[in-house]
């Protein structure tokens, strides 16, 4: 059976596209256009699933569960679920193992994500809070993703994507300055100036680290030489090792007591969060195979909207016009970036 390569970096035409030809003059093959739109859809689904996982994290944070243990266990869910499938196909000699170069490449990307990005993310949340840290992280993430994707993958950012990026940054500013006065006063009383500066820098650097990681992920997925299942197990396995080691190191003398004292509700929340995270991760890996890094990362900003709405309706968190303006702008930005025109489809297809 003839297989057609339809990912975003290549054209499915039998005749190569001339370098000198203008993108607007080159028709987009129907199967390529469908693949690019499918990538956007997969990124949207992955973002929604990540949002469901984040809701579980919020509840676990309310119960003051050690987040290093939570991150280790939720990553372990993916390893436990996907590894047997890999071994099954390997025993049947129907699994294509990646080369050691790709394994090392993914190890570097996973280390950047888990050891640098996730650690700084958690530290920033603990230092300056979720309301302040998350907008800073997302802003640096979408800007750096566009720059790094252009520099290392040759991805061109269209005018429509730039418009969506501007709308997203305006939305993030609204969400950053939008907390109710009582929340803002409480934050200002608890956070000193130097601590706020360091925490903000940590959130921004975490966003940069996630941008580097997503470029690694895009390159590995787009190569078609590394199975998606292998990417998922290796990346999450790195998280299991890093956060599991830190948790055991700090609680080595009471580890058995901690395990026996964990309520059943916490276990269920962690397992559900891990399942949402695993399925969302698989959708994300597949989605970025077909769409650009900048577009995928702008779509991920929807996590802020879902988290805000959940906090308002289920935790009675205070809100105001600025926050709702930020939510509305985020939705508008997602609509813009998720509905590329024919010119953008040509640009995506040509890299």
C-alpha atoms as a PDB file:
ATOM      1  CA  UNK A   1       0.000   0.000   0.000  1.00  0.00           C
ATOM      2  CA  UNK A   2       1.356   3.406  -0.958  1.00  0.00           C
ATOM      3  CA  UNK A   3       1.825   5.704   2.028  1.00  0.00           C
ATOM      4  CA  UNK A   4       1.641   9.473   1.604  1.00  0.00           C
ATOM      5  CA  UNK A   5       3.706  11.653   3.914  1.00  0.00           C
ATOM      6  CA  UNK A   6       1.424  14.512   4.901  1.00  0.00           C
ATOM      7  CA  UNK A   7       3.130  16.238   7.837  1.00  0.00           C
ATOM      8  CA  UNK A   8       3.522  19.980   8.045  1.00  0.00           C
ATOM      9  CA  UNK A   9       7.136  20.111   7.002  1.00  0.00           C
ATOM     10  CA  UNK A  10       6.680  18.418   3.578  1.00  0.00           C
ATOM     11  CA  UNK A  11       4.329  18.597   0.628  1.00  0.00           C
ATOM     12  CA  UNK A  12       2.442  15.553  -0.532  1.00  0.00           C
ATOM     13  CA  UNK A  13       2.694  16.675  -4.195  1.00  0.00           C
ATOM     14  CA  UNK A  14       4.545  14.378  -6.530  1.00  0.00           C
ATOM     15  CA  UNK A  15       6.172  17.489  -8.095  1.00  0.00           C
ATOM     16  CA  UNK A  16       8.401  19.455  -5.724  1.00  0.00           C
ATOM     17  CA  UNK A  17       7.491  23.075  -5.073  1.00  0.00           C
ATOM     18  CA  UNK A  18       9.945  25.524  -6.593  1.00  0.00           C
ATOM     19  CA  UNK A  19      11.859  27.643  -4.144  1.00  0.00           C
ATOM     20  CA  UNK A  20      11.366  30.727  -6.308  1.00  0.00           C
ATOM     21  CA  UNK A  21       7.595  30.372  -6.591  1.00  0.00           C
ATOM     22  CA  UNK A  22       5.434  32.581  -4.402  1.00  0.00           C
ATOM     23  CA  UNK A  23       3.534  30.703  -1.675  1.00  0.00           C
ATOM     24  CA  UNK A  24       0.238  32.223  -2.768  1.00  0.00           C
ATOM     25  CA  UNK A  25       0.645  30.780  -6.255  1.00  0.00           C
ATOM     26  CA  UNK A  26       1.134  27.205  -5.068  1.00  0.00           C
ATOM     27  CA  UNK A  27      -2.018  25.141  -4.542  1.00  0.00           C
ATOM     28  CA  UNK A  28      -2.295  23.105  -1.360  1.00  0.00           C
ATOM     29  CA  UNK A  29      -2.933  19.381  -1.914  1.00  0.00           C
ATOM     30  CA  UNK A  30      -6.227  18.381  -0.318  1.00  0.00           C
ATOM     31  CA  UNK A  31      -4.673  15.629   1.784  1.00  0.00           C
ATOM     32  CA  UNK A  32      -1.985  18.021   3.051  1.00  0.00           C
ATOM     33  CA  UNK A  33      -4.582  20.634   4.021  1.00  0.00           C
ATOM     34  CA  UNK A  34      -6.568  17.991   5.887  1.00  0.00           C
ATOM     35  CA  UNK A  35      -3.451  16.876   7.744  1.00  0.00           C
ATOM     36  CA  UNK A  36      -2.612  20.421   8.806  1.00  0.00           C
ATOM     37  CA  UNK A  37      -6.151  20.988  10.069  1.00  0.00           C
ATOM     38  CA  UNK A  38      -6.037  17.619  11.812  1.00  0.00           C
ATOM     39  CA  UNK A  39      -2.890  18.770  13.621  1.00  0.00           C
ATOM     40  CA  UNK A  40      -4.713  21.844  14.898  1.00  0.00           C
ATOM     41  CA  UNK A  41      -7.647  19.697  16.042  1.00  0.00           C
ATOM     42  CA  UNK A  42      -5.350  17.258  17.844  1.00  0.00           C
ATOM     43  CA  UNK A  43      -3.585  20.141  19.617  1.00  0.00           C
ATOM     44  CA  UNK A  44      -6.959  21.515  20.739  1.00  0.00           C
ATOM     45  CA  UNK A  45      -8.046  18.121  22.092  1.00  0.00           C
ATOM     46  CA  UNK A  46      -4.702  17.672  23.836  1.00  0.00           C
ATOM     47  CA  UNK A  47      -5.024  21.120  25.434  1.00  0.00           C
ATOM     48  CA  UNK A  48      -8.509  20.328  26.755  1.00  0.00           C
ATOM     49  CA  UNK A  49      -7.268  17.044  28.215  1.00  0.00           C
ATOM     50  CA  UNK A  50      -4.310  18.816  29.832  1.00  0.00           C
ATOM     51  CA  UNK A  51      -6.814  21.281  31.305  1.00  0.00           C
ATOM     52  CA  UNK A  52      -8.751  18.404  32.889  1.00  0.00           C
ATOM     53  CA  UNK A  53      -5.484  17.124  34.343  1.00  0.00           C
ATOM     54  CA  UNK A  54      -4.710  20.614  35.712  1.00  0.00           C
ATOM     55  CA  UNK A  55      -8.100  20.674  37.442  1.00  0.00           C
ATOM     56  CA  UNK A  56      -7.104  17.504  39.298  1.00  0.00           C
ATOM     57  CA  UNK A  57      -3.798  19.161  40.265  1.00  0.00           C
ATOM     58  CA  UNK A  58      -5.698  22.131  41.655  1.00  0.00           C
ATOM     59  CA  UNK A  59      -7.745  19.873  43.890  1.00  0.00           C
ATOM     60  CA  UNK A  60      -4.607  18.033  45.012  1.00  0.00           C
ATOM     61  CA  UNK A  61      -2.940  21.360  45.791  1.00  0.00           C
ATOM     62  CA  UNK A  62      -5.953  22.322  47.926  1.00  0.00           C
ATOM     63  CA  UNK A  63      -5.408  19.088  49.877  1.00  0.00           C
ATOM     64  CA  UNK A  64      -1.716  20.029  50.285  1.00  0.00           C
ATOM     65  CA  UNK A  65      -0.341  16.887  48.634  1.00  0.00           C
ATOM     66  CA  UNK A  66       3.388  16.940  47.813  1.00  0.00           C
ATOM     67  CA  UNK A  67       3.455  17.978  44.148  1.00  0.00           C
ATOM     68  CA  UNK A  68       6.672  16.077  43.441  1.00  0.00           C
ATOM     69  CA  UNK A  69       4.904  12.863  44.386  1.00  0.00           C
ATOM     70  CA  UNK A  70       1.920  13.907  42.264  1.00  0.00           C
ATOM     71  CA  UNK A  71       4.096  14.613  39.209  1.00  0.00           C
ATOM     72  CA  UNK A  72       5.973  11.328  39.640  1.00  0.00           C
ATOM     73  CA  UNK A  73       2.767   9.294  39.913  1.00  0.00           C
ATOM     74  CA  UNK A  74       0.935  11.005  37.027  1.00  0.00           C
ATOM     75  CA  UNK A  75       3.926  10.432  34.729  1.00  0.00           C
ATOM     76  CA  UNK A  76       4.110   6.833  35.940  1.00  0.00           C
ATOM     77  CA  UNK A  77       0.571   6.256  34.644  1.00  0.00           C
ATOM     78  CA  UNK A  78       1.797   6.789  31.064  1.00  0.00           C
ATOM     79  CA  UNK A  79       4.818   4.527  31.553  1.00  0.00           C
ATOM     80  CA  UNK A  80       2.684   1.734  33.024  1.00  0.00           C
ATOM     81  CA  UNK A  81      -0.002   1.983  30.336  1.00  0.00           C
ATOM     82  CA  UNK A  82       2.126   2.400  27.209  1.00  0.00           C
ATOM     83  CA  UNK A  83       5.171   0.211  27.967  1.00  0.00           C
ATOM     84  CA  UNK A  84       3.244  -3.119  27.774  1.00  0.00           C
ATOM     85  CA  UNK A  85       1.987  -2.157  24.295  1.00  0.00           C
ATOM     86  CA  UNK A  86       5.554  -1.429  23.167  1.00  0.00           C
ATOM     87  CA  UNK A  87       6.783  -4.767  24.553  1.00  0.00           C
ATOM     88  CA  UNK A  88       3.876  -6.606  22.917  1.00  0.00           C
ATOM     89  CA  UNK A  89       4.724  -5.272  19.460  1.00  0.00           C
ATOM     90  CA  UNK A  90       8.448  -5.731  20.105  1.00  0.00           C
ATOM     91  CA  UNK A  91       7.954  -9.443  20.918  1.00  0.00           C
ATOM     92  CA  UNK A  92       6.002  -9.785  17.677  1.00  0.00           C
ATOM     93  CA  UNK A  93       8.885  -8.021  15.909  1.00  0.00           C
ATOM     94  CA  UNK A  94       6.545  -5.328  14.678  1.00  0.00           C
ATOM     95  CA  UNK A  95       8.052  -2.432  16.594  1.00  0.00           C
ATOM     96  CA  UNK A  96      10.672  -0.145  15.062  1.00  0.00           C
ATOM     97  CA  UNK A  97      13.117   1.004  17.711  1.00  0.00           C
ATOM     98  CA  UNK A  98      14.693   4.445  17.227  1.00  0.00           C
ATOM     99  CA  UNK A  99      18.433   4.874  16.846  1.00  0.00           C
ATOM    100  CA  UNK A 100      20.541   5.748  19.876  1.00  0.00           C
ATOM    101  CA  UNK A 101      21.006   9.266  18.462  1.00  0.00           C
ATOM    102  CA  UNK A 102      17.251   9.878  18.695  1.00  0.00           C
ATOM    103  CA  UNK A 103      17.165   8.364  22.181  1.00  0.00           C
ATOM    104  CA  UNK A 104      19.860  10.786  23.360  1.00  0.00           C
ATOM    105  CA  UNK A 105      18.085  13.658  21.571  1.00  0.00           C
ATOM    106  CA  UNK A 106      14.870  12.888  23.456  1.00  0.00           C
ATOM    107  CA  UNK A 107      16.767  12.506  26.735  1.00  0.00           C
ATOM    108  CA  UNK A 108      18.060  16.050  26.348  1.00  0.00           C
ATOM    109  CA  UNK A 109      14.598  17.386  25.511  1.00  0.00           C
ATOM    110  CA  UNK A 110      13.001  15.511  28.395  1.00  0.00           C
ATOM    111  CA  UNK A 111      15.666  16.757  30.801  1.00  0.00           C
ATOM    112  CA  UNK A 112      15.037  20.360  29.715  1.00  0.00           C
ATOM    113  CA  UNK A 113      11.295  19.869  30.232  1.00  0.00           C
ATOM    114  CA  UNK A 114      11.241  17.966  33.513  1.00  0.00           C
ATOM    115  CA  UNK A 115      14.388  19.088  35.326  1.00  0.00           C
ATOM    116  CA  UNK A 116      14.463  22.732  34.211  1.00  0.00           C
ATOM    117  CA  UNK A 117      10.945  23.672  33.075  1.00  0.00           C
ATOM    118  CA  UNK A 118       8.819  21.694  35.533  1.00  0.00           C
ATOM    119  CA  UNK A 119      11.073  22.424  38.529  1.00  0.00           C
ATOM    120  CA  UNK A 120      11.144  26.171  37.868  1.00  0.00           C
ATOM    121  CA  UNK A 121       7.393  26.081  37.178  1.00  0.00           C
ATOM    122  CA  UNK A 122       6.695  24.497  40.561  1.00  0.00           C
ATOM    123  CA  UNK A 123       9.132  26.838  42.300  1.00  0.00           C
ATOM    124  CA  UNK A 124       7.520  29.899  40.721  1.00  0.00           C
ATOM    125  CA  UNK A 125       4.042  28.736  41.741  1.00  0.00           C
ATOM    126  CA  UNK A 126       5.238  28.200  45.315  1.00  0.00           C
ATOM    127  CA  UNK A 127       7.031  31.554  45.363  1.00  0.00           C
ATOM    128  CA  UNK A 128       4.700  34.039  43.654  1.00  0.00           C
ATOM    129  CA  UNK A 129       1.510  31.991  43.206  1.00  0.00           C
ATOM    130  CA  UNK A 130      -0.374  30.544  40.259  1.00  0.00           C
ATOM    131  CA  UNK A 131      -2.208  33.767  39.315  1.00  0.00           C
ATOM    132  CA  UNK A 132       1.065  35.646  38.737  1.00  0.00           C
ATOM    133  CA  UNK A 133       3.339  32.856  37.451  1.00  0.00           C
ATOM    134  CA  UNK A 134       1.130  31.190  34.838  1.00  0.00           C
ATOM    135  CA  UNK A 135       0.565  34.276  32.613  1.00  0.00           C
ATOM    136  CA  UNK A 136       4.304  35.053  32.682  1.00  0.00           C
ATOM    137  CA  UNK A 137       5.139  31.470  31.753  1.00  0.00           C
ATOM    138  CA  UNK A 138       2.623  31.356  28.899  1.00  0.00           C
ATOM    139  CA  UNK A 139       3.740  34.724  27.502  1.00  0.00           C
ATOM    140  CA  UNK A 140       7.400  33.699  27.342  1.00  0.00           C
ATOM    141  CA  UNK A 141       6.358  30.297  26.003  1.00  0.00           C
ATOM    142  CA  UNK A 142       4.432  31.486  22.952  1.00  0.00           C
ATOM    143  CA  UNK A 143       6.971  34.193  22.035  1.00  0.00           C
ATOM    144  CA  UNK A 144       9.996  31.901  22.385  1.00  0.00           C
ATOM    145  CA  UNK A 145       8.235  29.032  20.587  1.00  0.00           C
ATOM    146  CA  UNK A 146       7.784  31.241  17.534  1.00  0.00           C
ATOM    147  CA  UNK A 147      11.406  32.429  17.644  1.00  0.00           C
ATOM    148  CA  UNK A 148      12.975  29.026  18.297  1.00  0.00           C
ATOM    149  CA  UNK A 149      10.711  27.301  15.783  1.00  0.00           C
ATOM    150  CA  UNK A 150      11.738  29.831  13.142  1.00  0.00           C
ATOM    151  CA  UNK A 151      15.453  29.653  13.998  1.00  0.00           C
ATOM    152  CA  UNK A 152      15.894  25.895  14.317  1.00  0.00           C
ATOM    153  CA  UNK A 153      13.031  24.416  12.303  1.00  0.00           C
ATOM    154  CA  UNK A 154      12.677  27.084   9.631  1.00  0.00           C
ATOM    155  CA  UNK A 155       9.008  27.636  10.475  1.00  0.00           C
ATOM    156  CA  UNK A 156       7.572  30.897   9.154  1.00  0.00           C
ATOM    157  CA  UNK A 157       5.132  32.822  11.324  1.00  0.00           C
ATOM    158  CA  UNK A 158       2.342  34.221   9.155  1.00  0.00           C
ATOM    159  CA  UNK A 159       0.628  37.552   9.663  1.00  0.00           C
ATOM    160  CA  UNK A 160      -2.436  35.756  11.016  1.00  0.00           C
ATOM    161  CA  UNK A 161      -0.303  33.936  13.590  1.00  0.00           C
ATOM    162  CA  UNK A 162       1.330  37.223  14.574  1.00  0.00           C
ATOM    163  CA  UNK A 163      -2.117  38.768  15.023  1.00  0.00           C
ATOM    164  CA  UNK A 164      -3.187  35.818  17.182  1.00  0.00           C
ATOM    165  CA  UNK A 165       0.026  36.150  19.192  1.00  0.00           C
ATOM    166  CA  UNK A 166      -0.695  39.828  19.848  1.00  0.00           C
ATOM    167  CA  UNK A 167      -4.248  39.030  20.948  1.00  0.00           C
ATOM    168  CA  UNK A 168      -2.922  36.244  23.211  1.00  0.00           C
ATOM    169  CA  UNK A 169      -0.357  38.538  24.839  1.00  0.00           C
ATOM    170  CA  UNK A 170      -3.065  41.156  25.446  1.00  0.00           C
ATOM    171  CA  UNK A 171      -5.220  38.425  27.015  1.00  0.00           C
ATOM    172  CA  UNK A 172      -2.343  37.317  29.236  1.00  0.00           C
ATOM    173  CA  UNK A 173      -1.837  40.919  30.403  1.00  0.00           C
ATOM    174  CA  UNK A 174      -5.525  41.119  31.335  1.00  0.00           C
ATOM    175  CA  UNK A 175      -5.315  37.845  33.248  1.00  0.00           C
ATOM    176  CA  UNK A 176      -2.085  39.004  34.927  1.00  0.00           C
ATOM    177  CA  UNK A 177      -3.532  42.311  36.158  1.00  0.00           C
ATOM    178  CA  UNK A 178      -7.084  41.039  36.580  1.00  0.00           C
ATOM    179  CA  UNK A 179      -7.196  39.482  40.096  1.00  0.00           C
ATOM    180  CA  UNK A 180      -9.673  41.084  42.453  1.00  0.00           C
ATOM    181  CA  UNK A 181      -8.328  43.748  44.828  1.00  0.00           C
ATOM    182  CA  UNK A 182      -8.509  41.434  47.825  1.00  0.00           C
ATOM    183  CA  UNK A 183      -6.376  38.819  46.065  1.00  0.00           C
ATOM    184  CA  UNK A 184      -3.923  41.414  44.832  1.00  0.00           C
ATOM    185  CA  UNK A 185      -3.589  42.970  48.304  1.00  0.00           C
ATOM    186  CA  UNK A 186      -3.003  39.568  49.848  1.00  0.00           C
ATOM    187  CA  UNK A 187      -0.355  38.758  47.268  1.00  0.00           C
ATOM    188  CA  UNK A 188       1.420  42.078  47.740  1.00  0.00           C
ATOM    189  CA  UNK A 189       1.537  41.561  51.496  1.00  0.00           C
ATOM    190  CA  UNK A 190       2.956  38.053  51.223  1.00  0.00           C
ATOM    191  CA  UNK A 191       5.469  38.554  48.384  1.00  0.00           C
ATOM    192  CA  UNK A 192       8.504  40.779  48.822  1.00  0.00           C
ATOM    193  CA  UNK A 193       9.935  42.743  45.888  1.00  0.00           C
ATOM    194  CA  UNK A 194      13.052  40.610  45.375  1.00  0.00           C
ATOM    195  CA  UNK A 195      11.057  37.405  45.744  1.00  0.00           C
ATOM    196  CA  UNK A 196       8.531  38.609  43.181  1.00  0.00           C
ATOM    197  CA  UNK A 197      11.344  39.452  40.762  1.00  0.00           C
ATOM    198  CA  UNK A 198      13.073  36.087  41.188  1.00  0.00           C
ATOM    199  CA  UNK A 199       9.799  34.190  40.958  1.00  0.00           C
ATOM    200  CA  UNK A 200       8.872  36.083  37.803  1.00  0.00           C
ATOM    201  CA  UNK A 201      12.256  35.305  36.243  1.00  0.00           C
ATOM    202  CA  UNK A 202      11.790  31.647  37.183  1.00  0.00           C
ATOM    203  CA  UNK A 203       8.377  31.544  35.473  1.00  0.00           C
ATOM    204  CA  UNK A 204       9.776  33.189  32.328  1.00  0.00           C
ATOM    205  CA  UNK A 205      12.748  30.792  32.174  1.00  0.00           C
ATOM    206  CA  UNK A 206      10.351  27.861  32.657  1.00  0.00           C
ATOM    207  CA  UNK A 207       8.399  29.101  29.642  1.00  0.00           C
ATOM    208  CA  UNK A 208      11.607  29.255  27.610  1.00  0.00           C
ATOM    209  CA  UNK A 209      12.520  25.715  28.715  1.00  0.00           C
ATOM    210  CA  UNK A 210       9.108  24.432  27.645  1.00  0.00           C
ATOM    211  CA  UNK A 211       9.605  26.142  24.269  1.00  0.00           C
ATOM    212  CA  UNK A 212      12.935  24.369  23.771  1.00  0.00           C
ATOM    213  CA  UNK A 213      11.344  21.088  24.797  1.00  0.00           C
ATOM    214  CA  UNK A 214       8.416  21.442  22.379  1.00  0.00           C
ATOM    215  CA  UNK A 215      10.891  22.053  19.533  1.00  0.00           C
ATOM    216  CA  UNK A 216      12.679  18.827  20.498  1.00  0.00           C
ATOM    217  CA  UNK A 217       9.300  17.093  20.531  1.00  0.00           C
ATOM    218  CA  UNK A 218       8.313  18.510  17.142  1.00  0.00           C
ATOM    219  CA  UNK A 219      11.631  17.483  15.585  1.00  0.00           C
ATOM    220  CA  UNK A 220      11.399  13.930  16.955  1.00  0.00           C
ATOM    221  CA  UNK A 221       7.763  13.464  15.997  1.00  0.00           C
ATOM    222  CA  UNK A 222       8.240  15.009  12.573  1.00  0.00           C
ATOM    223  CA  UNK A 223      11.169  12.739  11.731  1.00  0.00           C
ATOM    224  CA  UNK A 224       8.903   9.658  11.459  1.00  0.00           C
ATOM    225  CA  UNK A 225      11.884   7.673  12.796  1.00  0.00           C
ATOM    226  CA  UNK A 226      10.722   7.680  16.427  1.00  0.00           C
ATOM    227  CA  UNK A 227       7.388   6.010  17.338  1.00  0.00           C
ATOM    228  CA  UNK A 228       4.990   8.257  19.229  1.00  0.00           C
ATOM    229  CA  UNK A 229       4.651   5.592  21.932  1.00  0.00           C
ATOM    230  CA  UNK A 230       8.421   5.617  22.500  1.00  0.00           C
ATOM    231  CA  UNK A 231       8.465   9.424  22.783  1.00  0.00           C
ATOM    232  CA  UNK A 232       5.684   9.292  25.384  1.00  0.00           C
ATOM    233  CA  UNK A 233       7.371   6.623  27.522  1.00  0.00           C
ATOM    234  CA  UNK A 234      10.830   8.175  27.415  1.00  0.00           C
ATOM    235  CA  UNK A 235       9.686  11.718  28.267  1.00  0.00           C
ATOM    236  CA  UNK A 236       7.353  10.640  31.082  1.00  0.00           C
ATOM    237  CA  UNK A 237       9.939   8.131  32.317  1.00  0.00           C
ATOM    238  CA  UNK A 238      12.389  10.983  32.818  1.00  0.00           C
ATOM    239  CA  UNK A 239       9.773  12.747  34.961  1.00  0.00           C
ATOM    240  CA  UNK A 240       9.247   9.581  37.038  1.00  0.00           C
ATOM    241  CA  UNK A 241      12.985   9.298  37.727  1.00  0.00           C
ATOM    242  CA  UNK A 242      13.566  12.986  38.548  1.00  0.00           C
ATOM    243  CA  UNK A 243      10.554  13.656  40.762  1.00  0.00           C
ATOM    244  CA  UNK A 244      10.527  10.160  42.258  1.00  0.00           C
ATOM    245  CA  UNK A 245      14.161  10.513  43.295  1.00  0.00           C
ATOM    246  CA  UNK A 246      13.571  13.926  44.866  1.00  0.00           C
ATOM    247  CA  UNK A 247      10.519  12.736  46.774  1.00  0.00           C
ATOM    248  CA  UNK A 248      12.244   9.599  48.115  1.00  0.00           C
ATOM    249  CA  UNK A 249      15.383  11.585  48.963  1.00  0.00           C
ATOM    250  CA  UNK A 250      13.446  14.037  51.145  1.00  0.00           C
ATOM    251  CA  UNK A 251      11.153  11.418  52.737  1.00  0.00           C
ATOM    252  CA  UNK A 252      13.392   8.345  52.855  1.00  0.00           C
ATOM    253  CA  UNK A 253      12.809   7.724  56.575  1.00  0.00           C
ATOM    254  CA  UNK A 254       9.027   7.880  56.424  1.00  0.00           C
ATOM    255  CA  UNK A 255       8.265   6.662  52.917  1.00  0.00           C
ATOM    256  CA  UNK A 256       6.261   3.602  54.013  1.00  0.00           C
ATOM    257  CA  UNK A 257       4.176   5.680  56.416  1.00  0.00           C
ATOM    258  CA  UNK A 258       3.490   8.278  53.726  1.00  0.00           C
ATOM    259  CA  UNK A 259       2.254   5.653  51.294  1.00  0.00           C
ATOM    260  CA  UNK A 260      -0.045   4.061  53.858  1.00  0.00           C
ATOM    261  CA  UNK A 261      -1.461   7.434  54.910  1.00  0.00           C
ATOM    262  CA  UNK A 262      -2.454   8.575  51.408  1.00  0.00           C
ATOM    263  CA  UNK A 263      -6.290   8.697  51.214  1.00  0.00           C
ATOM    264  CA  UNK A 264      -8.108   6.771  48.486  1.00  0.00           C
ATOM    265  CA  UNK A 265      -9.500  10.032  47.080  1.00  0.00           C
ATOM    266  CA  UNK A 266      -5.971  11.324  46.480  1.00  0.00           C
ATOM    267  CA  UNK A 267      -5.012   8.113  44.682  1.00  0.00           C
ATOM    268  CA  UNK A 268      -8.034   8.391  42.400  1.00  0.00           C
ATOM    269  CA  UNK A 269      -7.299  12.039  41.634  1.00  0.00           C
ATOM    270  CA  UNK A 270      -3.684  11.223  40.753  1.00  0.00           C
ATOM    271  CA  UNK A 271      -4.689   8.294  38.532  1.00  0.00           C
ATOM    272  CA  UNK A 272      -7.362  10.344  36.729  1.00  0.00           C
ATOM    273  CA  UNK A 273      -4.894  13.230  36.311  1.00  0.00           C
ATOM    274  CA  UNK A 274      -2.343  10.782  34.913  1.00  0.00           C
ATOM    275  CA  UNK A 275      -4.823   9.347  32.408  1.00  0.00           C
ATOM    276  CA  UNK A 276      -5.852  12.804  31.199  1.00  0.00           C
ATOM    277  CA  UNK A 277      -2.181  13.778  30.994  1.00  0.00           C
ATOM    278  CA  UNK A 278      -1.231  10.615  29.068  1.00  0.00           C
ATOM    279  CA  UNK A 279      -3.996  10.907  26.466  1.00  0.00           C
ATOM    280  CA  UNK A 280      -3.424  14.658  26.136  1.00  0.00           C
ATOM    281  CA  UNK A 281       0.303  14.069  25.641  1.00  0.00           C
ATOM    282  CA  UNK A 282      -0.338  11.514  22.887  1.00  0.00           C
ATOM    283  CA  UNK A 283      -2.685  13.953  21.141  1.00  0.00           C
ATOM    284  CA  UNK A 284      -0.104  16.733  21.507  1.00  0.00           C
ATOM    285  CA  UNK A 285       2.730  14.640  20.045  1.00  0.00           C
ATOM    286  CA  UNK A 286       0.533  13.697  17.098  1.00  0.00           C
ATOM    287  CA  UNK A 287      -0.738  17.252  16.653  1.00  0.00           C
ATOM    288  CA  UNK A 288       2.666  18.947  16.494  1.00  0.00           C
ATOM    289  CA  UNK A 289       3.686  16.464  13.817  1.00  0.00           C
ATOM    290  CA  UNK A 290       1.253  18.269  11.509  1.00  0.00           C
ATOM    291  CA  UNK A 291       1.262  21.886  12.699  1.00  0.00           C
ATOM    292  CA  UNK A 292       3.749  24.563  13.632  1.00  0.00           C
ATOM    293  CA  UNK A 293       5.264  24.956  17.086  1.00  0.00           C
ATOM    294  CA  UNK A 294       4.049  28.561  17.461  1.00  0.00           C
ATOM    295  CA  UNK A 295       0.475  27.615  16.578  1.00  0.00           C
ATOM    296  CA  UNK A 296       0.478  24.615  18.924  1.00  0.00           C
ATOM    297  CA  UNK A 297       1.762  26.670  21.842  1.00  0.00           C
ATOM    298  CA  UNK A 298      -0.766  29.463  21.302  1.00  0.00           C
ATOM    299  CA  UNK A 299      -3.550  26.873  21.369  1.00  0.00           C
ATOM    300  CA  UNK A 300      -2.208  25.651  24.727  1.00  0.00           C
ATOM    301  CA  UNK A 301      -3.081  29.033  26.296  1.00  0.00           C
ATOM    302  CA  UNK A 302      -6.656  27.701  26.428  1.00  0.00           C
ATOM    303  CA  UNK A 303      -5.584  25.944  29.631  1.00  0.00           C
ATOM    304  CA  UNK A 304      -5.737  29.325  31.377  1.00  0.00           C
ATOM    305  CA  UNK A 305      -9.331  29.836  30.234  1.00  0.00           C
ATOM    306  CA  UNK A 306     -10.464  26.406  31.402  1.00  0.00           C
ATOM    307  CA  UNK A 307      -8.679  26.844  34.739  1.00  0.00           C
ATOM    308  CA  UNK A 308     -10.207  30.294  35.249  1.00  0.00           C
ATOM    309  CA  UNK A 309     -13.733  29.118  34.445  1.00  0.00           C
ATOM    310  CA  UNK A 310     -13.372  26.086  36.688  1.00  0.00           C
ATOM    311  CA  UNK A 311     -12.114  28.243  39.559  1.00  0.00           C
ATOM    312  CA  UNK A 312     -15.007  30.678  39.163  1.00  0.00           C
ATOM    313  CA  UNK A 313     -17.802  28.101  38.945  1.00  0.00           C
ATOM    314  CA  UNK A 314     -16.519  25.400  41.330  1.00  0.00           C
ATOM    315  CA  UNK A 315     -14.234  27.224  43.790  1.00  0.00           C
ATOM    316  CA  UNK A 316     -16.137  30.534  43.895  1.00  0.00           C
ATOM    317  CA  UNK A 317     -12.985  32.431  42.978  1.00  0.00           C
ATOM    318  CA  UNK A 318     -13.474  36.170  42.574  1.00  0.00           C
ATOM    319  CA  UNK A 319     -13.527  37.652  39.088  1.00  0.00           C
ATOM    320  CA  UNK A 320     -13.974  41.009  37.386  1.00  0.00           C
ATOM    321  CA  UNK A 321     -14.278  42.629  33.975  1.00  0.00           C
ATOM    322  CA  UNK A 322     -10.524  42.455  33.343  1.00  0.00           C
ATOM    323  CA  UNK A 323     -10.453  38.699  33.832  1.00  0.00           C
ATOM    324  CA  UNK A 324     -13.454  38.172  31.551  1.00  0.00           C
ATOM    325  CA  UNK A 325     -11.818  40.404  28.944  1.00  0.00           C
ATOM    326  CA  UNK A 326      -8.713  38.220  29.157  1.00  0.00           C
ATOM    327  CA  UNK A 327     -10.800  35.071  28.749  1.00  0.00           C
ATOM    328  CA  UNK A 328     -12.623  36.558  25.747  1.00  0.00           C
ATOM    329  CA  UNK A 329      -9.370  37.650  24.084  1.00  0.00           C
ATOM    330  CA  UNK A 330      -7.888  34.190  24.647  1.00  0.00           C
ATOM    331  CA  UNK A 331     -10.858  32.571  22.939  1.00  0.00           C
ATOM    332  CA  UNK A 332     -10.556  35.069  20.076  1.00  0.00           C
ATOM    333  CA  UNK A 333      -6.844  34.329  19.707  1.00  0.00           C
ATOM    334  CA  UNK A 334      -7.491  30.586  19.629  1.00  0.00           C
ATOM    335  CA  UNK A 335     -10.151  31.062  16.928  1.00  0.00           C
ATOM    336  CA  UNK A 336      -7.728  33.138  14.834  1.00  0.00           C
ATOM    337  CA  UNK A 337      -4.812  30.721  15.139  1.00  0.00           C
ATOM    338  CA  UNK A 338      -7.004  27.633  14.656  1.00  0.00           C
ATOM    339  CA  UNK A 339      -8.561  28.809  11.377  1.00  0.00           C
ATOM    340  CA  UNK A 340      -5.667  29.312   8.946  1.00  0.00           C
ATOM    341  CA  UNK A 341      -6.390  30.554   5.438  1.00  0.00           C
ATOM    342  CA  UNK A 342      -5.113  29.072   2.199  1.00  0.00           C
ATOM    343  CA  UNK A 343      -1.986  31.207   2.250  1.00  0.00           C
ATOM    344  CA  UNK A 344      -1.069  29.947   5.720  1.00  0.00           C
ATOM    345  CA  UNK A 345      -1.709  26.343   4.689  1.00  0.00           C
ATOM    346  CA  UNK A 346       0.785  26.798   1.852  1.00  0.00           C
ATOM    347  CA  UNK A 347       3.348  28.287   4.252  1.00  0.00           C
ATOM    348  CA  UNK A 348       2.847  25.450   6.753  1.00  0.00           C
ATOM    349  CA  UNK A 349       3.140  22.844   4.016  1.00  0.00           C
ATOM    350  CA  UNK A 350       6.377  24.381   2.774  1.00  0.00           C
ATOM    351  CA  UNK A 351       7.864  24.626   6.275  1.00  0.00           C
END
